Amino acid sequence: LRNLYSAMGRLDQTDITYVHGSSSYSKKMPELADSQKRQRYASAIRKLPAPLVFGLRAAGQLKYEYHLNKICKKSNPFSIYHETSFTPPKLAGFPTVYSVYDLSLRRYKETQPKDRVWLFEYFIKTRLPHARHILTISEFIKQEIMDEFKIPSSRITAVSLAPDPLFTPASETAIRT
């Protein structure tokens, strides 16, 4: 996504705003997340009962949605909202684009933590119908979304994933240094 937003930022007439948590937004792309901190959090939360984790995560997501709607009503920071999380917020008065990478949380429930499956099911069912448009990574996933949620093809676009420019052939000099 960093590549997508960087490329969009170079287009004329494009103004990108990033939402940070539940209370702020800025024109600056967020720093990369601390993966070790995230892993420690995930390990700790997995020790709690699934219904409790679901409740905490759902409450956090609904709080985020509430504050995001509040920010939007107060300052109108953007004309379209793009969400990449599998728990997209429902925004009042803004066209939304959701990215749905796959339906593995629905197709392979037994391989996922129960709270994550429950969270996905609740938010995808209640929020996806409100999306102005949906982006996905393949024609196969597009068809699955159409079949599972009865969303017309015209509201879904399949966009193949592309590698980060970092992953390009290196020169011999670069390899040796």
N, C-alpha and C. Protein backbone atom coordinates (compact mmCIF):
# COMPACT_ATOMS: atom_id res chain seq x y z
N LEU A 1 0.81 -1.20 0.00
CA LEU A 1 0.00 0.00 0.00
C LEU A 1 0.85 1.26 0.00
N ARG A 2 2.01 1.17 0.61
CA ARG A 2 2.88 2.35 0.61
C ARG A 2 3.21 2.75 -0.82
N ASN A 3 3.42 1.76 -1.69
CA ASN A 3 3.71 2.06 -3.09
C ASN A 3 2.50 2.69 -3.79
N LEU A 4 1.32 2.15 -3.52
CA LEU A 4 0.10 2.69 -4.12
C LEU A 4 -0.07 4.16 -3.73
N TYR A 5 0.02 4.44 -2.44
CA TYR A 5 -0.20 5.81 -1.98
C TYR A 5 0.91 6.74 -2.44
N SER A 6 2.14 6.24 -2.50
CA SER A 6 3.24 7.07 -3.01
C SER A 6 2.99 7.44 -4.47
N ALA A 7 2.57 6.45 -5.26
CA ALA A 7 2.29 6.71 -6.68
C ALA A 7 1.10 7.66 -6.83
N MET A 8 0.07 7.47 -6.03
CA MET A 8 -1.09 8.36 -6.11
C MET A 8 -0.71 9.78 -5.73
N GLY A 9 0.18 9.92 -4.75
CA GLY A 9 0.62 11.23 -4.31
C GLY A 9 1.35 12.01 -5.38
N ARG A 10 1.91 11.31 -6.37
CA ARG A 10 2.62 11.98 -7.46
C ARG A 10 1.68 12.42 -8.58
N LEU A 11 0.43 12.01 -8.53
CA LEU A 11 -0.54 12.40 -9.56
C LEU A 11 -1.01 13.83 -9.33
N ASP A 12 -1.29 14.52 -10.40
CA ASP A 12 -1.87 15.85 -10.28
C ASP A 12 -3.28 15.72 -9.70
N GLN A 13 -3.70 16.68 -8.97
CA GLN A 13 -5.04 16.76 -8.40
C GLN A 13 -5.34 15.63 -7.41
N THR A 14 -4.31 15.06 -6.84
CA THR A 14 -4.51 14.04 -5.81
C THR A 14 -3.98 14.56 -4.50
N ASP A 15 -4.80 14.50 -3.49
CA ASP A 15 -4.42 14.96 -2.16
C ASP A 15 -4.73 13.82 -1.19
N ILE A 16 -3.70 13.24 -0.60
CA ILE A 16 -3.88 12.07 0.26
C ILE A 16 -3.77 12.47 1.72
N THR A 17 -4.71 11.98 2.51
CA THR A 17 -4.72 12.20 3.95
C THR A 17 -4.67 10.83 4.61
N TYR A 18 -3.84 10.69 5.63
CA TYR A 18 -3.71 9.43 6.36
C TYR A 18 -4.37 9.59 7.73
N VAL A 19 -5.19 8.61 8.08
CA VAL A 19 -5.84 8.61 9.39
C VAL A 19 -4.95 7.83 10.35
N HIS A 20 -4.68 8.43 11.50
CA HIS A 20 -3.84 7.81 12.52
C HIS A 20 -4.70 7.46 13.72
N GLY A 21 -4.95 6.21 13.93
CA GLY A 21 -5.74 5.80 15.09
C GLY A 21 -7.14 6.36 15.03
N SER A 22 -7.63 6.78 16.20
CA SER A 22 -9.02 7.20 16.24
C SER A 22 -9.21 8.71 16.38
N SER A 23 -8.11 9.47 16.38
CA SER A 23 -8.34 10.88 16.66
C SER A 23 -7.59 11.87 15.79
N SER A 24 -6.73 11.42 14.91
CA SER A 24 -5.98 12.41 14.14
C SER A 24 -5.75 11.94 12.71
N TYR A 25 -5.33 12.88 11.88
CA TYR A 25 -5.00 12.58 10.50
C TYR A 25 -3.93 13.57 10.06
N SER A 26 -3.22 13.21 8.99
CA SER A 26 -2.18 14.12 8.49
C SER A 26 -1.91 13.83 7.02
N LYS A 27 -1.10 14.66 6.42
CA LYS A 27 -0.70 14.50 5.02
C LYS A 27 0.55 13.63 4.91
N LYS A 28 1.17 13.32 6.04
CA LYS A 28 2.40 12.53 6.04
C LYS A 28 2.08 11.05 6.18
N MET A 29 2.72 10.22 5.35
CA MET A 29 2.53 8.78 5.43
C MET A 29 3.05 8.29 6.78
N PRO A 30 2.28 7.42 7.46
CA PRO A 30 2.73 6.91 8.76
C PRO A 30 4.03 6.12 8.66
N GLU A 31 4.76 6.12 9.75
CA GLU A 31 5.98 5.31 9.83
C GLU A 31 5.59 3.83 9.79
N LEU A 32 6.53 2.99 9.42
CA LEU A 32 6.28 1.56 9.46
C LEU A 32 6.03 1.12 10.90
N ALA A 33 5.13 0.16 11.06
CA ALA A 33 4.79 -0.33 12.39
C ALA A 33 5.97 -1.10 13.00
N ASP A 34 6.02 -1.12 14.31
CA ASP A 34 7.02 -1.88 15.04
C ASP A 34 6.53 -3.33 15.10
N SER A 35 7.06 -4.18 14.26
CA SER A 35 6.57 -5.55 14.14
C SER A 35 6.81 -6.38 15.40
N GLN A 36 7.89 -6.11 16.12
CA GLN A 36 8.15 -6.86 17.36
C GLN A 36 7.13 -6.50 18.43
N LYS A 37 6.80 -5.22 18.51
CA LYS A 37 5.79 -4.78 19.48
C LYS A 37 4.44 -5.40 19.13
N ARG A 38 4.11 -5.42 17.85
CA ARG A 38 2.85 -6.00 17.40
C ARG A 38 2.80 -7.50 17.71
N GLN A 39 3.92 -8.19 17.55
CA GLN A 39 3.99 -9.62 17.82
C GLN A 39 3.81 -9.90 19.31
N ARG A 40 4.41 -9.08 20.16
CA ARG A 40 4.25 -9.25 21.61
C ARG A 40 2.79 -9.05 22.01
N TYR A 41 2.15 -8.03 21.44
CA TYR A 41 0.73 -7.76 21.71
C TYR A 41 -0.12 -8.96 21.27
N ALA A 42 0.11 -9.45 20.06
CA ALA A 42 -0.66 -10.58 19.54
C ALA A 42 -0.49 -11.82 20.40
N SER A 43 0.73 -12.07 20.86
CA SER A 43 0.99 -13.24 21.71
C SER A 43 0.25 -13.11 23.04
N ALA A 44 0.24 -11.92 23.61
CA ALA A 44 -0.44 -11.71 24.89
C ALA A 44 -1.96 -11.85 24.75
N ILE A 45 -2.50 -11.27 23.71
CA ILE A 45 -3.96 -11.29 23.54
C ILE A 45 -4.49 -12.69 23.22
N ARG A 46 -3.68 -13.52 22.60
CA ARG A 46 -4.10 -14.89 22.25
C ARG A 46 -4.30 -15.77 23.49
N LYS A 47 -3.81 -15.32 24.64
CA LYS A 47 -3.97 -16.08 25.88
C LYS A 47 -5.33 -15.83 26.53
N LEU A 48 -6.05 -14.82 26.06
CA LEU A 48 -7.36 -14.47 26.61
C LEU A 48 -8.46 -15.30 25.93
N PRO A 49 -9.62 -15.46 26.57
CA PRO A 49 -10.72 -16.20 25.94
C PRO A 49 -11.21 -15.49 24.67
N ALA A 50 -11.54 -16.26 23.65
CA ALA A 50 -11.96 -15.71 22.34
C ALA A 50 -13.11 -14.70 22.46
N PRO A 51 -14.17 -14.98 23.24
CA PRO A 51 -15.26 -13.99 23.33
C PRO A 51 -14.79 -12.64 23.90
N LEU A 52 -13.86 -12.67 24.85
CA LEU A 52 -13.33 -11.43 25.42
C LEU A 52 -12.51 -10.67 24.37
N VAL A 53 -11.67 -11.39 23.64
CA VAL A 53 -10.84 -10.76 22.60
C VAL A 53 -11.74 -10.15 21.53
N PHE A 54 -12.77 -10.90 21.12
CA PHE A 54 -13.72 -10.37 20.13
C PHE A 54 -14.36 -9.08 20.64
N GLY A 55 -14.83 -9.10 21.88
CA GLY A 55 -15.47 -7.92 22.46
C GLY A 55 -14.55 -6.72 22.50
N LEU A 56 -13.31 -6.95 22.92
CA LEU A 56 -12.34 -5.85 22.99
C LEU A 56 -12.02 -5.31 21.60
N ARG A 57 -11.79 -6.21 20.66
CA ARG A 57 -11.45 -5.76 19.31
C ARG A 57 -12.64 -5.08 18.63
N ALA A 58 -13.84 -5.62 18.81
CA ALA A 58 -15.04 -5.00 18.23
C ALA A 58 -15.27 -3.62 18.83
N ALA A 59 -15.11 -3.51 20.14
CA ALA A 59 -15.28 -2.21 20.80
C ALA A 59 -14.24 -1.21 20.28
N GLY A 60 -13.01 -1.66 20.11
CA GLY A 60 -11.97 -0.78 19.58
C GLY A 60 -12.28 -0.33 18.16
N GLN A 61 -12.78 -1.25 17.35
CA GLN A 61 -13.11 -0.90 15.97
C GLN A 61 -14.30 0.05 15.91
N LEU A 62 -15.30 -0.19 16.73
CA LEU A 62 -16.47 0.71 16.76
C LEU A 62 -16.08 2.10 17.29
N LYS A 63 -15.15 2.14 18.24
CA LYS A 63 -14.65 3.43 18.74
C LYS A 63 -13.92 4.17 17.61
N TYR A 64 -13.09 3.44 16.88
CA TYR A 64 -12.39 4.03 15.74
C TYR A 64 -13.39 4.59 14.73
N GLU A 65 -14.42 3.81 14.42
CA GLU A 65 -15.45 4.24 13.47
C GLU A 65 -16.17 5.49 13.97
N TYR A 66 -16.50 5.51 15.24
CA TYR A 66 -17.18 6.67 15.84
C TYR A 66 -16.31 7.93 15.70
N HIS A 67 -15.04 7.82 16.11
CA HIS A 67 -14.15 8.98 16.05
C HIS A 67 -13.86 9.39 14.61
N LEU A 68 -13.73 8.44 13.73
CA LEU A 68 -13.49 8.76 12.32
C LEU A 68 -14.69 9.53 11.74
N ASN A 69 -15.89 9.11 12.05
CA ASN A 69 -17.08 9.84 11.60
C ASN A 69 -17.12 11.24 12.21
N LYS A 70 -16.70 11.36 13.46
CA LYS A 70 -16.66 12.65 14.13
C LYS A 70 -15.65 13.59 13.44
N ILE A 71 -14.47 13.06 13.11
CA ILE A 71 -13.45 13.85 12.40
C ILE A 71 -14.00 14.30 11.05
N CYS A 72 -14.65 13.38 10.35
CA CYS A 72 -15.17 13.69 9.01
C CYS A 72 -16.24 14.77 9.04
N LYS A 73 -17.12 14.71 10.02
CA LYS A 73 -18.17 15.72 10.13
C LYS A 73 -17.61 17.08 10.50
N LYS A 74 -16.59 17.08 11.33
CA LYS A 74 -16.00 18.32 11.84
C LYS A 74 -15.13 19.03 10.81
N SER A 75 -14.28 18.27 10.11
CA SER A 75 -13.28 18.93 9.28
C SER A 75 -13.28 18.51 7.81
N ASN A 76 -14.07 17.54 7.44
CA ASN A 76 -14.16 17.10 6.05
C ASN A 76 -12.77 16.90 5.43
N PRO A 77 -11.96 15.97 6.00
CA PRO A 77 -10.56 15.85 5.58
C PRO A 77 -10.33 15.17 4.23
N PHE A 78 -11.33 14.53 3.66
CA PHE A 78 -11.12 13.87 2.38
C PHE A 78 -12.42 13.72 1.60
N SER A 79 -12.29 13.45 0.32
CA SER A 79 -13.48 13.30 -0.53
C SER A 79 -13.81 11.83 -0.79
N ILE A 80 -12.85 10.95 -0.54
CA ILE A 80 -13.08 9.51 -0.66
C ILE A 80 -12.23 8.82 0.39
N TYR A 81 -12.73 7.73 0.93
CA TYR A 81 -12.01 7.02 1.98
C TYR A 81 -11.68 5.61 1.50
N HIS A 82 -10.41 5.21 1.64
CA HIS A 82 -9.97 3.87 1.24
C HIS A 82 -9.54 3.12 2.49
N GLU A 83 -10.14 1.97 2.72
CA GLU A 83 -9.82 1.16 3.90
C GLU A 83 -9.21 -0.17 3.47
N THR A 84 -8.13 -0.55 4.14
CA THR A 84 -7.45 -1.80 3.81
C THR A 84 -7.61 -2.87 4.88
N SER A 85 -8.21 -2.53 5.99
CA SER A 85 -8.43 -3.48 7.07
C SER A 85 -9.59 -4.41 6.75
N PHE A 86 -9.58 -5.61 7.34
CA PHE A 86 -10.71 -6.51 7.12
C PHE A 86 -11.90 -6.15 7.99
N THR A 87 -11.77 -5.06 8.76
CA THR A 87 -12.88 -4.54 9.55
C THR A 87 -13.13 -3.09 9.15
N PRO A 88 -13.66 -2.86 7.96
CA PRO A 88 -13.81 -1.48 7.48
C PRO A 88 -14.87 -0.70 8.25
N PRO A 89 -14.61 0.59 8.49
CA PRO A 89 -15.62 1.41 9.14
C PRO A 89 -16.71 1.84 8.15
N LYS A 90 -17.86 2.13 8.70
CA LYS A 90 -18.96 2.67 7.90
C LYS A 90 -18.94 4.18 8.11
N LEU A 91 -18.74 4.92 7.02
CA LEU A 91 -18.67 6.37 7.12
C LEU A 91 -19.93 7.01 6.56
N ALA A 92 -20.44 7.97 7.28
CA ALA A 92 -21.62 8.69 6.84
C ALA A 92 -21.21 9.84 5.93
N GLY A 93 -21.71 9.86 4.71
CA GLY A 93 -21.49 10.99 3.82
C GLY A 93 -20.22 10.96 3.01
N PHE A 94 -19.45 9.88 3.06
CA PHE A 94 -18.22 9.79 2.27
C PHE A 94 -18.23 8.53 1.43
N PRO A 95 -17.89 8.66 0.16
CA PRO A 95 -17.75 7.44 -0.64
C PRO A 95 -16.56 6.64 -0.12
N THR A 96 -16.75 5.35 0.02
CA THR A 96 -15.69 4.49 0.54
C THR A 96 -15.28 3.44 -0.47
N VAL A 97 -14.01 3.13 -0.44
CA VAL A 97 -13.44 2.05 -1.23
C VAL A 97 -12.79 1.10 -0.23
N TYR A 98 -13.16 -0.16 -0.28
CA TYR A 98 -12.58 -1.16 0.60
C TYR A 98 -11.70 -2.09 -0.22
N SER A 99 -10.57 -2.47 0.37
CA SER A 99 -9.74 -3.51 -0.23
C SER A 99 -10.04 -4.82 0.49
N VAL A 100 -10.39 -5.82 -0.27
CA VAL A 100 -10.66 -7.16 0.28
C VAL A 100 -9.67 -8.10 -0.41
N TYR A 101 -8.72 -8.60 0.35
CA TYR A 101 -7.66 -9.40 -0.24
C TYR A 101 -8.07 -10.86 -0.47
N ASP A 102 -8.87 -11.37 0.42
CA ASP A 102 -9.35 -12.74 0.24
C ASP A 102 -10.47 -13.00 1.24
N LEU A 103 -11.06 -14.16 1.13
CA LEU A 103 -12.12 -14.55 2.06
C LEU A 103 -11.67 -15.74 2.90
N SER A 104 -10.37 -15.83 3.18
CA SER A 104 -9.84 -16.97 3.93
C SER A 104 -10.43 -17.06 5.34
N LEU A 105 -10.78 -15.92 5.92
CA LEU A 105 -11.40 -15.96 7.25
C LEU A 105 -12.79 -16.59 7.20
N ARG A 106 -13.37 -16.65 6.05
CA ARG A 106 -14.67 -17.27 5.87
C ARG A 106 -14.51 -18.70 5.34
N ARG A 107 -13.59 -18.89 4.44
CA ARG A 107 -13.39 -20.19 3.79
C ARG A 107 -12.66 -21.20 4.68
N TYR A 108 -11.72 -20.72 5.48
CA TYR A 108 -10.87 -21.60 6.28
C TYR A 108 -10.91 -21.20 7.75
N LYS A 109 -12.11 -21.11 8.28
CA LYS A 109 -12.31 -20.64 9.66
C LYS A 109 -11.50 -21.43 10.68
N GLU A 110 -11.35 -22.72 10.41
CA GLU A 110 -10.66 -23.59 11.37
C GLU A 110 -9.18 -23.25 11.52
N THR A 111 -8.63 -22.48 10.60
CA THR A 111 -7.20 -22.13 10.67
C THR A 111 -6.96 -20.77 11.33
N GLN A 112 -8.02 -20.12 11.74
CA GLN A 112 -7.92 -18.76 12.28
C GLN A 112 -8.41 -18.72 13.73
N PRO A 113 -7.93 -17.76 14.51
CA PRO A 113 -8.50 -17.57 15.86
C PRO A 113 -9.99 -17.22 15.74
N LYS A 114 -10.79 -17.78 16.64
CA LYS A 114 -12.25 -17.58 16.58
C LYS A 114 -12.64 -16.10 16.62
N ASP A 115 -11.97 -15.33 17.48
CA ASP A 115 -12.33 -13.91 17.59
C ASP A 115 -12.13 -13.17 16.27
N ARG A 116 -11.09 -13.53 15.53
CA ARG A 116 -10.81 -12.89 14.24
C ARG A 116 -11.89 -13.24 13.22
N VAL A 117 -12.33 -14.49 13.23
CA VAL A 117 -13.39 -14.92 12.32
C VAL A 117 -14.68 -14.19 12.65
N TRP A 118 -15.02 -14.12 13.93
CA TRP A 118 -16.25 -13.43 14.33
C TRP A 118 -16.20 -11.95 13.95
N LEU A 119 -15.05 -11.32 14.16
CA LEU A 119 -14.88 -9.91 13.83
C LEU A 119 -15.04 -9.69 12.33
N PHE A 120 -14.38 -10.53 11.56
CA PHE A 120 -14.48 -10.45 10.10
C PHE A 120 -15.93 -10.61 9.66
N GLU A 121 -16.59 -11.64 10.15
CA GLU A 121 -17.97 -11.89 9.74
C GLU A 121 -18.87 -10.71 10.05
N TYR A 122 -18.75 -10.15 11.24
CA TYR A 122 -19.60 -9.02 11.61
C TYR A 122 -19.33 -7.82 10.71
N PHE A 123 -18.07 -7.41 10.61
CA PHE A 123 -17.77 -6.19 9.87
C PHE A 123 -17.92 -6.34 8.37
N ILE A 124 -17.55 -7.48 7.83
CA ILE A 124 -17.66 -7.64 6.37
C ILE A 124 -19.14 -7.66 5.95
N LYS A 125 -19.97 -8.32 6.72
CA LYS A 125 -21.40 -8.40 6.39
C LYS A 125 -22.10 -7.05 6.54
N THR A 126 -21.73 -6.30 7.56
CA THR A 126 -22.44 -5.05 7.84
C THR A 126 -21.84 -3.84 7.16
N ARG A 127 -20.59 -3.92 6.69
CA ARG A 127 -19.94 -2.76 6.09
C ARG A 127 -19.76 -2.86 4.58
N LEU A 128 -19.51 -4.06 4.09
CA LEU A 128 -19.25 -4.21 2.65
C LEU A 128 -20.38 -3.67 1.77
N PRO A 129 -21.64 -3.89 2.13
CA PRO A 129 -22.71 -3.33 1.29
C PRO A 129 -22.68 -1.81 1.16
N HIS A 130 -22.02 -1.12 2.09
CA HIS A 130 -21.97 0.35 2.06
C HIS A 130 -20.82 0.89 1.22
N ALA A 131 -19.94 0.02 0.78
CA ALA A 131 -18.79 0.48 -0.02
C ALA A 131 -19.25 0.95 -1.38
N ARG A 132 -18.72 2.08 -1.79
CA ARG A 132 -19.00 2.56 -3.15
C ARG A 132 -18.31 1.63 -4.14
N HIS A 133 -17.09 1.19 -3.77
CA HIS A 133 -16.35 0.30 -4.65
C HIS A 133 -15.45 -0.60 -3.81
N ILE A 134 -15.11 -1.76 -4.36
CA ILE A 134 -14.26 -2.74 -3.68
C ILE A 134 -13.09 -3.08 -4.59
N LEU A 135 -11.90 -3.05 -4.02
CA LEU A 135 -10.70 -3.49 -4.74
C LEU A 135 -10.31 -4.86 -4.21
N THR A 136 -9.88 -5.73 -5.10
CA THR A 136 -9.39 -7.03 -4.68
C THR A 136 -8.21 -7.42 -5.55
N ILE A 137 -7.56 -8.54 -5.22
CA ILE A 137 -6.29 -8.86 -5.84
C ILE A 137 -6.36 -9.83 -7.02
N SER A 138 -7.54 -10.37 -7.31
CA SER A 138 -7.63 -11.30 -8.45
C SER A 138 -9.07 -11.43 -8.91
N GLU A 139 -9.23 -11.92 -10.11
CA GLU A 139 -10.56 -12.18 -10.64
C GLU A 139 -11.25 -13.28 -9.84
N PHE A 140 -10.48 -14.23 -9.32
CA PHE A 140 -11.04 -15.31 -8.51
C PHE A 140 -11.69 -14.75 -7.25
N ILE A 141 -10.96 -13.88 -6.53
CA ILE A 141 -11.50 -13.28 -5.30
C ILE A 141 -12.69 -12.37 -5.65
N LYS A 142 -12.61 -11.67 -6.75
CA LYS A 142 -13.73 -10.83 -7.19
C LYS A 142 -14.98 -11.69 -7.33
N GLN A 143 -14.86 -12.83 -7.97
CA GLN A 143 -16.00 -13.72 -8.16
C GLN A 143 -16.52 -14.24 -6.82
N GLU A 144 -15.60 -14.56 -5.91
CA GLU A 144 -16.03 -15.02 -4.58
C GLU A 144 -16.83 -13.94 -3.85
N ILE A 145 -16.37 -12.70 -3.93
CA ILE A 145 -17.09 -11.60 -3.28
C ILE A 145 -18.47 -11.43 -3.90
N MET A 146 -18.53 -11.51 -5.22
CA MET A 146 -19.83 -11.39 -5.91
C MET A 146 -20.77 -12.51 -5.46
N ASP A 147 -20.26 -13.73 -5.38
CA ASP A 147 -21.08 -14.87 -4.99
C ASP A 147 -21.51 -14.82 -3.53
N GLU A 148 -20.57 -14.51 -2.64
CA GLU A 148 -20.84 -14.53 -1.20
C GLU A 148 -21.72 -13.38 -0.72
N PHE A 149 -21.51 -12.20 -1.31
CA PHE A 149 -22.19 -11.01 -0.80
C PHE A 149 -23.16 -10.37 -1.78
N LYS A 150 -23.33 -11.01 -2.93
CA LYS A 150 -24.29 -10.53 -3.95
C LYS A 150 -24.01 -9.08 -4.35
N ILE A 151 -22.74 -8.78 -4.53
CA ILE A 151 -22.33 -7.44 -4.96
C ILE A 151 -22.07 -7.51 -6.46
N PRO A 152 -22.63 -6.57 -7.23
CA PRO A 152 -22.45 -6.62 -8.69
C PRO A 152 -21.00 -6.39 -9.12
N SER A 153 -20.65 -6.99 -10.21
CA SER A 153 -19.31 -6.90 -10.79
C SER A 153 -18.87 -5.45 -10.99
N SER A 154 -19.79 -4.59 -11.33
CA SER A 154 -19.46 -3.19 -11.61
C SER A 154 -18.91 -2.45 -10.38
N ARG A 155 -19.14 -3.00 -9.17
CA ARG A 155 -18.65 -2.36 -7.94
C ARG A 155 -17.35 -2.99 -7.42
N ILE A 156 -16.77 -3.91 -8.20
CA ILE A 156 -15.55 -4.58 -7.76
C ILE A 156 -14.51 -4.53 -8.87
N THR A 157 -13.28 -4.18 -8.52
CA THR A 157 -12.18 -4.17 -9.48
C THR A 157 -11.07 -5.06 -8.95
N ALA A 158 -10.61 -5.97 -9.80
CA ALA A 158 -9.46 -6.81 -9.46
C ALA A 158 -8.19 -6.12 -9.94
N VAL A 159 -7.26 -5.91 -9.02
CA VAL A 159 -5.98 -5.25 -9.32
C VAL A 159 -4.88 -6.20 -8.85
N SER A 160 -4.09 -6.68 -9.77
CA SER A 160 -3.02 -7.61 -9.40
C SER A 160 -2.00 -6.92 -8.50
N LEU A 161 -1.45 -7.68 -7.59
CA LEU A 161 -0.42 -7.15 -6.70
C LEU A 161 0.87 -6.93 -7.48
N ALA A 162 1.63 -5.97 -7.05
CA ALA A 162 2.92 -5.67 -7.69
C ALA A 162 4.00 -5.64 -6.62
N PRO A 163 5.21 -6.04 -6.95
CA PRO A 163 6.27 -6.02 -5.95
C PRO A 163 6.73 -4.60 -5.63
N ASP A 164 7.30 -4.43 -4.48
CA ASP A 164 7.91 -3.18 -4.09
C ASP A 164 9.09 -2.90 -5.02
N PRO A 165 9.30 -1.65 -5.43
CA PRO A 165 10.45 -1.33 -6.29
C PRO A 165 11.79 -1.76 -5.69
N LEU A 166 11.82 -1.98 -4.38
CA LEU A 166 13.02 -2.47 -3.72
C LEU A 166 13.46 -3.81 -4.34
N PHE A 167 12.49 -4.61 -4.79
CA PHE A 167 12.78 -5.93 -5.33
C PHE A 167 12.96 -5.87 -6.85
N THR A 168 14.06 -5.27 -7.25
CA THR A 168 14.41 -5.19 -8.67
C THR A 168 15.80 -5.79 -8.84
N PRO A 169 16.13 -6.17 -10.04
CA PRO A 169 17.49 -6.72 -10.25
C PRO A 169 18.54 -5.72 -9.80
N ALA A 170 19.49 -6.20 -9.05
CA ALA A 170 20.57 -5.34 -8.56
C ALA A 170 21.75 -5.40 -9.52
N SER A 171 22.45 -4.29 -9.60
CA SER A 171 23.65 -4.25 -10.43
C SER A 171 24.75 -5.09 -9.76
N GLU A 172 25.72 -5.47 -10.53
CA GLU A 172 26.81 -6.28 -10.00
C GLU A 172 27.57 -5.50 -8.92
N THR A 173 27.71 -4.19 -9.13
CA THR A 173 28.39 -3.34 -8.15
C THR A 173 27.63 -3.33 -6.83
N ALA A 174 26.33 -3.21 -6.90
CA ALA A 174 25.51 -3.19 -5.69
C ALA A 174 25.60 -4.52 -4.93
N ILE A 175 25.67 -5.60 -5.68
CA ILE A 175 25.75 -6.92 -5.05
C ILE A 175 27.07 -7.07 -4.29
N ARG A 176 28.14 -6.53 -4.85
CA ARG A 176 29.47 -6.70 -4.24
C ARG A 176 29.67 -5.77 -3.04
N THR A 177 28.87 -4.73 -2.91
CA THR A 177 29.10 -3.79 -1.81
C THR A 177 28.23 -4.05 -0.64
